[in-house]
PDB file of all heavy atoms in Angstrom:
ATOM      1  N   VAL A   1     132.616 129.893  54.103  1.00  0.00           N
ATOM      2  CA  VAL A   1     133.755 128.900  54.031  1.00  0.00           C
ATOM      3  C   VAL A   1     134.970 129.618  54.812  1.00  0.00           C
ATOM      4  O   VAL A   1     135.622 128.724  55.506  1.00  0.00           O
ATOM      5  CB  VAL A   1     134.185 128.747  52.648  1.00  0.00           C
ATOM      6  CG1 VAL A   1     135.638 127.980  52.570  1.00  0.00           C
ATOM      7  CG2 VAL A   1     133.236 127.798  51.908  1.00  0.00           C
ATOM      8  N   HIS A   2     135.012 130.954  54.836  1.00  0.00           N
ATOM      9  CA  HIS A   2     136.113 131.542  55.620  1.00  0.00           C
ATOM     10  C   HIS A   2     135.708 132.092  57.015  1.00  0.00           C
ATOM     11  O   HIS A   2     136.295 133.018  57.609  1.00  0.00           O
ATOM     12  CB  HIS A   2     136.586 132.683  54.704  1.00  0.00           C
ATOM     13  CG  HIS A   2     137.120 132.250  53.473  1.00  0.00           C
ATOM     14  ND1 HIS A   2     138.254 131.547  53.239  1.00  0.00           N
ATOM     15  CD2 HIS A   2     136.576 132.451  52.155  1.00  0.00           C
ATOM     16  CE1 HIS A   2     138.383 131.252  51.883  1.00  0.00           C
ATOM     17  NE2 HIS A   2     137.359 131.787  51.216  1.00  0.00           N
ATOM     18  N   THR A   3     134.610 131.512  57.505  1.00  0.00           N
ATOM     19  CA  THR A   3     134.268 131.842  58.934  1.00  0.00           C
ATOM     20  C   THR A   3     134.319 130.705  59.802  1.00  0.00           C
ATOM     21  O   THR A   3     134.572 129.605  59.425  1.00  0.00           O
ATOM     22  CB  THR A   3     132.741 132.366  58.887  1.00  0.00           C
ATOM     23  OG1 THR A   3     131.810 131.310  58.649  1.00  0.00           O
ATOM     24  CG2 THR A   3     132.472 133.454  57.811  1.00  0.00           C
ATOM     25  N   GLY A   4     134.068 130.990  61.028  1.00  0.00           N
ATOM     26  CA  GLY A   4     134.059 129.888  62.123  1.00  0.00           C
ATOM     27  C   GLY A   4     132.886 128.828  61.973  1.00  0.00           C
ATOM     28  O   GLY A   4     132.898 127.912  62.690  1.00  0.00           O
ATOM     29  N   LEU A   5     131.895 129.059  61.101  1.00  0.00           N
ATOM     30  CA  LEU A   5     130.876 128.143  60.790  1.00  0.00           C
ATOM     31  C   LEU A   5     131.222 127.115  59.867  1.00  0.00           C
ATOM     32  O   LEU A   5     130.527 126.224  59.646  1.00  0.00           O
ATOM     33  CB  LEU A   5     129.624 128.891  60.155  1.00  0.00           C
ATOM     34  CG  LEU A   5     128.869 129.739  61.190  1.00  0.00           C
ATOM     35  CD1 LEU A   5     127.640 130.328  60.466  1.00  0.00           C
ATOM     36  CD2 LEU A   5     128.511 129.002  62.476  1.00  0.00           C
ATOM     37  N   ASN A   6     132.521 127.166  59.263  1.00  0.00           N
ATOM     38  CA  ASN A   6     132.966 126.146  58.366  1.00  0.00           C
ATOM     39  C   ASN A   6     133.746 125.050  59.268  1.00  0.00           C
ATOM     40  O   ASN A   6     134.872 125.348  59.566  1.00  0.00           O
ATOM     41  CB  ASN A   6     133.938 126.695  57.335  1.00  0.00           C
ATOM     42  CG  ASN A   6     134.412 125.676  56.406  1.00  0.00           C
ATOM     43  OD1 ASN A   6     133.969 124.569  56.244  1.00  0.00           O
ATOM     44  ND2 ASN A   6     135.472 126.035  55.670  1.00  0.00           N
ATOM     45  N   SER A   7     133.161 123.952  59.479  1.00  0.00           N
ATOM     46  CA  SER A   7     133.709 122.894  60.205  1.00  0.00           C
ATOM     47  C   SER A   7     134.077 121.683  59.452  1.00  0.00           C
ATOM     48  O   SER A   7     134.331 120.591  59.790  1.00  0.00           O
ATOM     49  CB  SER A   7     132.958 122.490  61.431  1.00  0.00           C
ATOM     50  OG  SER A   7     131.568 122.142  61.164  1.00  0.00           O
ATOM     51  N   ARG A   8     133.962 121.942  58.044  1.00  0.00           N
ATOM     52  CA  ARG A   8     134.207 120.764  57.112  1.00  0.00           C
ATOM     53  C   ARG A   8     135.682 120.533  57.069  1.00  0.00           C
ATOM     54  O   ARG A   8     136.453 121.460  56.668  1.00  0.00           O
ATOM     55  CB  ARG A   8     133.633 121.017  55.748  1.00  0.00           C
ATOM     56  CG  ARG A   8     133.952 120.042  54.671  1.00  0.00           C
ATOM     57  CD  ARG A   8     133.451 120.623  53.329  1.00  0.00           C
ATOM     58  NE  ARG A   8     133.378 119.621  52.206  1.00  0.00           N
ATOM     59  CZ  ARG A   8     134.354 119.524  51.301  1.00  0.00           C
ATOM     60  NH1 ARG A   8     135.299 120.451  51.360  1.00  0.00           N
ATOM     61  NH2 ARG A   8     134.290 118.569  50.364  1.00  0.00           N
ATOM     62  N   PRO A   9     136.132 119.320  57.362  1.00  0.00           N
ATOM     63  CA  PRO A   9     137.539 119.096  57.328  1.00  0.00           C
ATOM     64  C   PRO A   9     138.136 118.922  56.000  1.00  0.00           C
ATOM     65  O   PRO A   9     137.383 118.704  55.003  1.00  0.00           O
ATOM     66  CB  PRO A   9     137.733 117.727  58.118  1.00  0.00           C
ATOM     67  CG  PRO A   9     136.512 117.010  57.822  1.00  0.00           C
ATOM     68  CD  PRO A   9     135.420 118.115  57.721  1.00  0.00           C
ATOM     69  N   ASP A  10     139.463 119.077  55.770  1.00  0.00           N
ATOM     70  CA  ASP A  10     140.050 118.658  54.509  1.00  0.00           C
ATOM     71  C   ASP A  10     140.383 117.285  54.394  1.00  0.00           C
ATOM     72  O   ASP A  10     140.432 116.578  55.427  1.00  0.00           O
ATOM     73  CB  ASP A  10     141.319 119.515  54.320  1.00  0.00           C
ATOM     74  CG  ASP A  10     141.110 121.033  54.298  1.00  0.00           C
ATOM     75  OD1 ASP A  10     140.124 121.441  53.733  1.00  0.00           O
ATOM     76  OD2 ASP A  10     141.910 121.739  54.824  1.00  0.00           O
ATOM     77  N   GLY A  11     140.527 116.736  53.254  1.00  0.00           N
ATOM     78  CA  GLY A  11     141.010 115.416  53.066  1.00  0.00           C
ATOM     79  C   GLY A  11     139.845 114.418  52.949  1.00  0.00           C
ATOM     80  O   GLY A  11     138.717 114.669  52.532  1.00  0.00           O
ATOM     81  N   ALA A  12     140.123 113.122  53.460  1.00  0.00           N
ATOM     82  CA  ALA A  12     139.319 111.946  53.045  1.00  0.00           C
ATOM     83  C   ALA A  12     137.898 112.012  53.787  1.00  0.00           C
ATOM     84  O   ALA A  12     136.964 111.440  53.273  1.00  0.00           O
ATOM     85  CB  ALA A  12     140.016 110.771  53.488  1.00  0.00           C
ATOM     86  N   THR A  13     137.779 112.786  54.935  1.00  0.00           N
ATOM     87  CA  THR A  13     136.522 112.739  55.583  1.00  0.00           C
ATOM     88  C   THR A  13     135.548 113.788  55.076  1.00  0.00           C
ATOM     89  O   THR A  13     134.446 113.867  55.390  1.00  0.00           O
ATOM     90  CB  THR A  13     136.671 112.928  57.117  1.00  0.00           C
ATOM     91  OG1 THR A  13     137.452 114.176  57.194  1.00  0.00           O
ATOM     92  CG2 THR A  13     137.499 111.844  57.725  1.00  0.00           C
ATOM     93  N   ALA A  14     136.049 114.674  54.038  1.00  0.00           N
ATOM     94  CA  ALA A  14     135.226 115.681  53.461  1.00  0.00           C
ATOM     95  C   ALA A  14     134.233 115.096  52.516  1.00  0.00           C
ATOM     96  O   ALA A  14     134.333 113.977  52.142  1.00  0.00           O
ATOM     97  CB  ALA A  14     136.121 116.813  52.954  1.00  0.00           C
ATOM     98  N   GLY A  15     133.301 115.893  52.050  1.00  0.00           N
ATOM     99  CA  GLY A  15     132.271 115.418  51.121  1.00  0.00           C
ATOM    100  C   GLY A  15     132.826 115.338  49.739  1.00  0.00           C
ATOM    101  O   GLY A  15     134.067 115.271  49.433  1.00  0.00           O
ATOM    102  N   PRO A  16     131.928 115.314  48.687  1.00  0.00           N
ATOM    103  CA  PRO A  16     132.392 115.172  47.330  1.00  0.00           C
ATOM    104  C   PRO A  16     133.408 116.132  46.878  1.00  0.00           C
ATOM    105  O   PRO A  16     133.293 117.387  47.231  1.00  0.00           O
ATOM    106  CB  PRO A  16     131.058 115.477  46.428  1.00  0.00           C
ATOM    107  CG  PRO A  16     130.008 115.113  47.462  1.00  0.00           C
ATOM    108  CD  PRO A  16     130.530 115.526  48.844  1.00  0.00           C
ATOM    109  N   PRO A  17     134.504 115.755  46.250  1.00  0.00           N
ATOM    110  CA  PRO A  17     135.596 116.643  45.936  1.00  0.00           C
ATOM    111  C   PRO A  17     135.245 117.793  44.987  1.00  0.00           C
ATOM    112  O   PRO A  17     135.814 118.848  45.026  1.00  0.00           O
ATOM    113  CB  PRO A  17     136.636 115.700  45.288  1.00  0.00           C
ATOM    114  CG  PRO A  17     135.920 114.543  44.793  1.00  0.00           C
ATOM    115  CD  PRO A  17     134.694 114.418  45.787  1.00  0.00           C
ATOM    116  N   ALA A  18     134.222 117.536  44.125  1.00  0.00           N
ATOM    117  CA  ALA A  18     133.780 118.580  43.196  1.00  0.00           C
ATOM    118  C   ALA A  18     132.907 119.590  43.805  1.00  0.00           C
ATOM    119  O   ALA A  18     131.985 119.234  44.585  1.00  0.00           O
ATOM    120  CB  ALA A  18     133.136 117.980  41.916  1.00  0.00           C
ATOM    121  N   GLY A  19     133.082 120.964  43.537  1.00  0.00           N
ATOM    122  CA  GLY A  19     132.185 121.966  43.997  1.00  0.00           C
ATOM    123  C   GLY A  19     132.507 122.220  45.414  1.00  0.00           C
ATOM    124  O   GLY A  19     133.511 122.016  45.957  1.00  0.00           O
ATOM    125  N   ASP A  20     131.410 122.842  46.095  1.00  0.00           N
ATOM    126  CA  ASP A  20     131.641 123.419  47.414  1.00  0.00           C
ATOM    127  C   ASP A  20     130.705 122.727  48.427  1.00  0.00           C
ATOM    128  O   ASP A  20     130.219 123.381  49.375  1.00  0.00           O
ATOM    129  CB  ASP A  20     131.458 124.886  47.453  1.00  0.00           C
ATOM    130  CG  ASP A  20     130.153 125.343  46.842  1.00  0.00           C
ATOM    131  OD1 ASP A  20     129.377 124.489  46.395  1.00  0.00           O
ATOM    132  OD2 ASP A  20     129.888 126.524  46.712  1.00  0.00           O
ATOM    133  N   CYS A  21     130.346 121.509  48.279  1.00  0.00           N
ATOM    134  CA  CYS A  21     129.382 120.749  49.113  1.00  0.00           C
ATOM    135  C   CYS A  21     130.073 120.778  50.495  1.00  0.00           C
ATOM    136  O   CYS A  21     131.153 120.474  50.658  1.00  0.00           O
ATOM    137  CB  CYS A  21     129.248 119.446  48.534  1.00  0.00           C
ATOM    138  SG  CYS A  21     128.086 118.433  49.540  1.00  0.00           S
ATOM    139  N   GLN A  22     129.179 121.056  51.543  1.00  0.00           N
ATOM    140  CA  GLN A  22     129.661 121.049  52.894  1.00  0.00           C
ATOM    141  C   GLN A  22     129.332 119.698  53.627  1.00  0.00           C
ATOM    142  O   GLN A  22     129.089 119.773  54.881  1.00  0.00           O
ATOM    143  CB  GLN A  22     128.993 122.179  53.607  1.00  0.00           C
ATOM    144  CG  GLN A  22     129.663 123.491  53.316  1.00  0.00           C
ATOM    145  CD  GLN A  22     130.864 123.693  54.121  1.00  0.00           C
ATOM    146  OE1 GLN A  22     131.029 123.283  55.245  1.00  0.00           O
ATOM    147  NE2 GLN A  22     131.924 124.049  53.358  1.00  0.00           N
ATOM    148  N   ALA A  23     129.233 118.592  52.883  1.00  0.00           N
ATOM    149  CA  ALA A  23     129.099 117.323  53.600  1.00  0.00           C
ATOM    150  C   ALA A  23     130.412 116.770  54.114  1.00  0.00           C
ATOM    151  O   ALA A  23     131.483 117.038  53.527  1.00  0.00           O
ATOM    152  CB  ALA A  23     128.502 116.337  52.572  1.00  0.00           C
ATOM    153  N   TYR A  24     130.431 116.161  55.181  1.00  0.00           N
ATOM    154  CA  TYR A  24     131.527 115.561  55.810  1.00  0.00           C
ATOM    155  C   TYR A  24     131.193 114.442  56.835  1.00  0.00           C
ATOM    156  O   TYR A  24     129.915 114.374  57.230  1.00  0.00           O
ATOM    157  CB  TYR A  24     132.511 116.636  56.492  1.00  0.00           C
ATOM    158  CG  TYR A  24     131.859 117.460  57.544  1.00  0.00           C
ATOM    159  CD1 TYR A  24     132.071 117.011  58.889  1.00  0.00           C
ATOM    160  CD2 TYR A  24     131.081 118.570  57.273  1.00  0.00           C
ATOM    161  CE1 TYR A  24     131.472 117.850  59.896  1.00  0.00           C
ATOM    162  CE2 TYR A  24     130.526 119.328  58.276  1.00  0.00           C
ATOM    163  CZ  TYR A  24     130.810 119.012  59.579  1.00  0.00           C
ATOM    164  OH  TYR A  24     130.185 119.668  60.653  1.00  0.00           O
ATOM    165  N   HIS A  25     132.092 113.775  57.379  1.00  0.00           N
ATOM    166  CA  HIS A  25     131.898 112.799  58.342  1.00  0.00           C
ATOM    167  C   HIS A  25     133.032 112.675  59.371  1.00  0.00           C
ATOM    168  O   HIS A  25     134.130 113.073  59.105  1.00  0.00           O
ATOM    169  CB  HIS A  25     131.572 111.426  57.788  1.00  0.00           C
ATOM    170  CG  HIS A  25     132.633 110.798  57.056  1.00  0.00           C
ATOM    171  ND1 HIS A  25     133.444 109.806  57.544  1.00  0.00           N
ATOM    172  CD2 HIS A  25     133.108 110.948  55.784  1.00  0.00           C
ATOM    173  CE1 HIS A  25     134.363 109.439  56.650  1.00  0.00           C
ATOM    174  NE2 HIS A  25     134.104 110.091  55.665  1.00  0.00           N
ATOM    175  N   PHE A  26     132.740 112.151  60.527  1.00  0.00           N
ATOM    176  CA  PHE A  26     133.723 111.967  61.592  1.00  0.00           C
ATOM    177  C   PHE A  26     133.229 110.812  62.578  1.00  0.00           C
ATOM    178  O   PHE A  26     131.971 110.694  62.645  1.00  0.00           O
ATOM    179  CB  PHE A  26     134.164 113.284  62.329  1.00  0.00           C
ATOM    180  CG  PHE A  26     132.979 113.955  63.056  1.00  0.00           C
ATOM    181  CD1 PHE A  26     132.666 113.623  64.357  1.00  0.00           C
ATOM    182  CD2 PHE A  26     132.046 114.731  62.337  1.00  0.00           C
ATOM    183  CE1 PHE A  26     131.646 114.225  65.088  1.00  0.00           C
ATOM    184  CE2 PHE A  26     130.977 115.209  63.011  1.00  0.00           C
ATOM    185  CZ  PHE A  26     130.746 115.023  64.339  1.00  0.00           C
ATOM    186  N   SER A  27     134.067 110.261  63.291  1.00  0.00           N
ATOM    187  CA  SER A  27     133.795 109.328  64.343  1.00  0.00           C
ATOM    188  C   SER A  27     134.166 109.872  65.730  1.00  0.00           C
ATOM    189  O   SER A  27     135.329 109.950  65.967  1.00  0.00           O
ATOM    190  CB  SER A  27     134.520 107.962  64.131  1.00  0.00           C
ATOM    191  OG  SER A  27     134.178 106.991  65.055  1.00  0.00           O
ATOM    192  N   PRO A  28     133.220 110.240  66.549  1.00  0.00           N
ATOM    193  CA  PRO A  28     133.512 110.764  67.787  1.00  0.00           C
ATOM    194  C   PRO A  28     134.063 109.634  68.824  1.00  0.00           C
ATOM    195  O   PRO A  28     134.801 109.869  69.725  1.00  0.00           O
ATOM    196  CB  PRO A  28     132.214 111.391  68.319  1.00  0.00           C
ATOM    197  CG  PRO A  28     131.159 110.684  67.655  1.00  0.00           C
ATOM    198  CD  PRO A  28     131.686 110.314  66.249  1.00  0.00           C
ATOM    199  N   ALA A  29     133.555 108.497  68.577  1.00  0.00           N
ATOM    200  CA  ALA A  29     133.868 107.296  69.428  1.00  0.00           C
ATOM    201  C   ALA A  29     133.269 106.079  68.768  1.00  0.00           C
ATOM    202  O   ALA A  29     132.255 106.029  68.283  1.00  0.00           O
ATOM    203  CB  ALA A  29     133.300 107.387  70.818  1.00  0.00           C
ATOM    204  N   ALA A  30     134.118 105.003  68.685  1.00  0.00           N
ATOM    205  CA  ALA A  30     133.702 103.801  68.121  1.00  0.00           C
ATOM    206  C   ALA A  30     132.546 103.156  68.841  1.00  0.00           C
ATOM    207  O   ALA A  30     132.540 103.320  70.137  1.00  0.00           O
ATOM    208  CB  ALA A  30     134.911 102.739  67.998  1.00  0.00           C
ATOM    209  N   PRO A  31     131.505 102.599  68.237  1.00  0.00           N
ATOM    210  CA  PRO A  31     131.352 102.221  66.849  1.00  0.00           C
ATOM    211  C   PRO A  31     130.531 103.356  66.128  1.00  0.00           C
ATOM    212  O   PRO A  31     129.874 103.013  65.105  1.00  0.00           O
ATOM    213  CB  PRO A  31     130.742 100.900  66.833  1.00  0.00           C
ATOM    214  CG  PRO A  31     129.737 101.080  67.954  1.00  0.00           C
ATOM    215  CD  PRO A  31     130.435 101.957  68.980  1.00  0.00           C
ATOM    216  N   PHE A  32     130.481 104.564  66.668  1.00  0.00           N
ATOM    217  CA  PHE A  32     129.577 105.595  66.023  1.00  0.00           C
ATOM    218  C   PHE A  32     130.317 106.496  64.940  1.00  0.00           C
ATOM    219  O   PHE A  32     131.474 106.772  65.109  1.00  0.00           O
ATOM    220  CB  PHE A  32     128.947 106.452  67.163  1.00  0.00           C
ATOM    221  CG  PHE A  32     127.989 105.716  67.917  1.00  0.00           C
ATOM    222  CD1 PHE A  32     128.381 105.133  69.147  1.00  0.00           C
ATOM    223  CD2 PHE A  32     126.644 105.672  67.511  1.00  0.00           C
ATOM    224  CE1 PHE A  32     127.428 104.466  69.922  1.00  0.00           C
ATOM    225  CE2 PHE A  32     125.703 105.027  68.307  1.00  0.00           C
ATOM    226  CZ  PHE A  32     126.143 104.416  69.516  1.00  0.00           C
ATOM    227  N   ARG A  33     129.554 106.815  63.917  1.00  0.00           N
ATOM    228  CA  ARG A  33     129.926 107.780  62.956  1.00  0.00           C
ATOM    229  C   ARG A  33     128.886 108.777  62.726  1.00  0.00           C
ATOM    230  O   ARG A  33     127.770 108.496  62.768  1.00  0.00           O
ATOM    231  CB  ARG A  33     130.404 107.119  61.626  1.00  0.00           C
ATOM    232  CG  ARG A  33     130.961 108.097  60.596  1.00  0.00           C
ATOM    233  CD  ARG A  33     131.634 107.340  59.525  1.00  0.00           C
ATOM    234  NE  ARG A  33     132.641 106.465  60.055  1.00  0.00           N
ATOM    235  CZ  ARG A  33     133.948 106.898  60.232  1.00  0.00           C
ATOM    236  NH1 ARG A  33     134.316 108.035  60.103  1.00  0.00           N
ATOM    237  NH2 ARG A  33     134.772 105.945  60.671  1.00  0.00           N
ATOM    238  N   ILE A  34     129.264 110.110  62.655  1.00  0.00           N
ATOM    239  CA  ILE A  34     128.361 111.116  62.325  1.00  0.00           C
ATOM    240  C   ILE A  34     128.637 111.598  60.912  1.00  0.00           C
ATOM    241  O   ILE A  34     129.720 111.783  60.431  1.00  0.00           O
ATOM    242  CB  ILE A  34     128.621 112.362  63.239  1.00  0.00           C
ATOM    243  CG1 ILE A  34     128.727 112.097  64.744  1.00  0.00           C
ATOM    244  CG2 ILE A  34     127.599 113.516  63.004  1.00  0.00           C
ATOM    245  CD1 ILE A  34     127.415 111.632  65.324  1.00  0.00           C
ATOM    246  N   VAL A  35     127.425 111.648  60.158  1.00  0.00           N
ATOM    247  CA  VAL A  35     127.594 112.077  58.731  1.00  0.00           C
ATOM    248  C   VAL A  35     126.804 113.366  58.640  1.00  0.00           C
ATOM    249  O   VAL A  35     125.597 113.354  58.883  1.00  0.00           O
ATOM    250  CB  VAL A  35     127.074 111.017  57.748  1.00  0.00           C
ATOM    251  CG1 VAL A  35     127.124 111.559  56.290  1.00  0.00           C
ATOM    252  CG2 VAL A  35     127.865 109.756  57.798  1.00  0.00           C
TER     253      VAL A  35
END
């Protein structure tokens, strides 16, 4: 979590709030989303 391999953002786009799950999503360009 404290290295450069952690690219999970904070806030609404991050994964489940409980625990340390590294799931997240982002949209590089409409209409695409990466999960």
